[in-house]
C-alpha atoms as a PDB file:
ATOM      1  CA  MET A   1      21.091-150.610  27.372  1.00  0.00           C
ATOM      2  CA  PRO A   2      20.555-146.820  28.057  1.00  0.00           C
ATOM      3  CA  LEU A   3      19.698-146.305  31.690  1.00  0.00           C
ATOM      4  CA  THR A   4      17.992-143.208  33.030  1.00  0.00           C
ATOM      5  CA  LEU A   5      19.100-141.977  36.593  1.00  0.00           C
ATOM      6  CA  THR A   6      17.547-139.547  39.037  1.00  0.00           C
ATOM      7  CA  LEU A   7      19.807-137.806  41.250  1.00  0.00           C
ATOM      8  CA  ASP A   8      18.905-136.020  44.482  1.00  0.00           C
ATOM      9  CA  SER A   9      19.978-132.191  45.005  1.00  0.00           C
ATOM     10  CA  HIS A  10      23.349-133.345  46.422  1.00  0.00           C
ATOM     11  CA  GLY A  11      24.038-135.719  43.727  1.00  0.00           C
ATOM     12  CA  GLU A  12      23.075-132.900  41.027  1.00  0.00           C
ATOM     13  CA  GLN A  13      25.353-130.676  42.884  1.00  0.00           C
ATOM     14  CA  LEU A  14      28.393-132.923  42.698  1.00  0.00           C
ATOM     15  CA  VAL A  15      27.853-133.486  38.970  1.00  0.00           C
ATOM     16  CA  ALA A  16      27.486-129.673  38.176  1.00  0.00           C
ATOM     17  CA  ALA A  17      30.694-128.885  40.456  1.00  0.00           C
ATOM     18  CA  HIS A  18      32.642-131.560  38.280  1.00  0.00           C
ATOM     19  CA  LEU A  19      31.101-130.106  34.905  1.00  0.00           C
ATOM     20  CA  ARG A  20      32.165-126.404  35.987  1.00  0.00           C
ATOM     21  CA  SER A  21      35.662-127.696  36.495  1.00  0.00           C
ATOM     22  CA  GLY A  22      35.822-128.210  32.813  1.00  0.00           C
ATOM     23  CA  PHE A  23      37.307-131.600  33.069  1.00  0.00           C
ATOM     24  CA  TYR A  24      34.130-133.222  32.269  1.00  0.00           C
ATOM     25  CA  HIS A  25      31.974-132.368  29.127  1.00  0.00           C
ATOM     26  CA  SER A  26      28.801-134.053  30.281  1.00  0.00           C
ATOM     27  CA  PRO A  27      26.981-135.852  33.094  1.00  0.00           C
ATOM     28  CA  GLU A  28      27.470-139.048  31.624  1.00  0.00           C
ATOM     29  CA  GLU A  29      31.094-138.700  31.707  1.00  0.00           C
ATOM     30  CA  VAL A  30      31.217-137.613  35.321  1.00  0.00           C
ATOM     31  CA  VAL A  31      28.888-140.790  36.310  1.00  0.00           C
ATOM     32  CA  THR A  32      31.214-143.061  34.000  1.00  0.00           C
ATOM     33  CA  ARG A  33      34.191-141.786  35.758  1.00  0.00           C
ATOM     34  CA  ALA A  34      32.723-142.075  39.349  1.00  0.00           C
ATOM     35  CA  LEU A  35      31.712-145.694  38.633  1.00  0.00           C
ATOM     36  CA  GLU A  36      35.047-146.537  37.239  1.00  0.00           C
ATOM     37  CA  THR A  37      36.742-145.041  40.238  1.00  0.00           C
ATOM     38  CA  LEU A  38      34.368-146.888  42.685  1.00  0.00           C
ATOM     39  CA  ALA A  39      35.127-150.272  40.929  1.00  0.00           C
ATOM     40  CA  GLU A  40      39.142-149.603  41.078  1.00  0.00           C
ATOM     41  CA  LYS A  41      38.634-148.939  44.866  1.00  0.00           C
ATOM     42  CA  GLU A  42      36.569-151.961  45.461  1.00  0.00           C
ATOM     43  CA  ARG A  43      39.062-154.142  43.515  1.00  0.00           C
ATOM     44  CA  ALA A  44      41.862-152.603  45.582  1.00  0.00           C
ATOM     45  CA  ALA A  45      40.531-153.196  49.044  1.00  0.00           C
ATOM     46  CA  PRO A  46      37.854-155.765  49.274  1.00  0.00           C
ATOM     47  CA  ALA A  47      35.127-155.196  51.822  1.00  0.00           C
ATOM     48  CA  ARG A  48      35.615-157.385  55.125  1.00  0.00           C
ATOM     49  CA  THR A  49      33.656-157.301  57.792  1.00  0.00           C
ATOM     50  CA  MET A  50      35.462-157.574  61.192  1.00  0.00           C
ATOM     51  CA  THR A  51      34.304-159.375  64.282  1.00  0.00           C
ATOM     52  CA  PRO A  52      33.771-157.222  67.454  1.00  0.00           C
ATOM     53  CA  ALA A  53      37.216-158.833  68.872  1.00  0.00           C
ATOM     54  CA  GLU A  54      39.035-157.953  65.584  1.00  0.00           C
ATOM     55  CA  ALA A  55      37.608-154.389  65.622  1.00  0.00           C
ATOM     56  CA  VAL A  56      38.804-153.889  69.281  1.00  0.00           C
ATOM     57  CA  ALA A  57      42.247-155.201  68.590  1.00  0.00           C
ATOM     58  CA  ASP A  58      42.253-152.960  65.460  1.00  0.00           C
ATOM     59  CA  ILE A  59      41.381-149.834  67.589  1.00  0.00           C
ATOM     60  CA  ARG A  60      43.978-150.740  70.211  1.00  0.00           C
ATOM     61  CA  GLU A  61      46.747-151.101  67.368  1.00  0.00           C
ATOM     62  CA  LEU A  62      45.655-147.743  65.745  1.00  0.00           C
ATOM     63  CA  ARG A  63      45.709-146.171  69.390  1.00  0.00           C
ATOM     64  CA  LYS A  64      49.355-147.164  70.100  1.00  0.00           C
ATOM     65  CA  GLY A  65      51.462-143.957  70.631  1.00  0.00           C
ATOM     66  CA  VAL A  66      48.742-141.715  70.527  1.00  0.00           C
ATOM     67  CA  THR A  67      48.923-139.654  73.541  1.00  0.00           C
ATOM     68  CA  LEU A  68      46.696-136.418  74.874  1.00  0.00           C
ATOM     69  CA  GLY A  69      50.018-134.487  75.711  1.00  0.00           C
ATOM     70  CA  GLY A  70      49.448-135.113  79.491  1.00  0.00           C
ATOM     71  CA  LEU A  71      45.814-133.826  79.137  1.00  0.00           C
ATOM     72  CA  ARG A  72      42.879-135.690  80.796  1.00  0.00           C
ATOM     73  CA  ILE A  73      39.875-136.667  79.106  1.00  0.00           C
ATOM     74  CA  LYS A  74      37.998-134.810  81.830  1.00  0.00           C
ATOM     75  CA  ASP A  75      39.942-131.590  81.480  1.00  0.00           C
ATOM     76  CA  LEU A  76      39.105-131.706  77.615  1.00  0.00           C
ATOM     77  CA  ILE A  77      35.237-132.228  78.211  1.00  0.00           C
ATOM     78  CA  ASN A  78      35.280-129.222  80.860  1.00  0.00           C
ATOM     79  CA  GLU A  79      37.463-126.904  78.437  1.00  0.00           C
ATOM     80  CA  GLY A  80      34.904-127.713  75.640  1.00  0.00           C
ATOM     81  CA  ARG A  81      32.031-126.569  78.013  1.00  0.00           C
ATOM     82  CA  GLU A  82      33.445-123.142  78.142  1.00  0.00           C
ATOM     83  CA  TYR A  83      32.783-122.775  74.538  1.00  0.00           C
END
C-alpha cells in the first residue's frame, strides 16, 4: 500500500544530504534504510523504563572512577563565568 509522507525542513535536509552522498538513489531508499536501521536497533536493545531507584544506581555506577582531576565544581563554575 503506497504511503505519502510529509517531512519537516529538518527531515528534508537529512534526506537531501543522504541523496547527495550518492549512496542512495531516491528518497524512498533513504526512508526504507532508516526504518530498517531503526527496527534493527529496537530489536537489539528493547526499551526498558527504569524506576527512579534503578536510575540513581545506574548513574552511580557510571560515575565510578570519574574524577575532576582535583578540581571542585565551584571552581569550574567560577571559571565558566569568566567567559
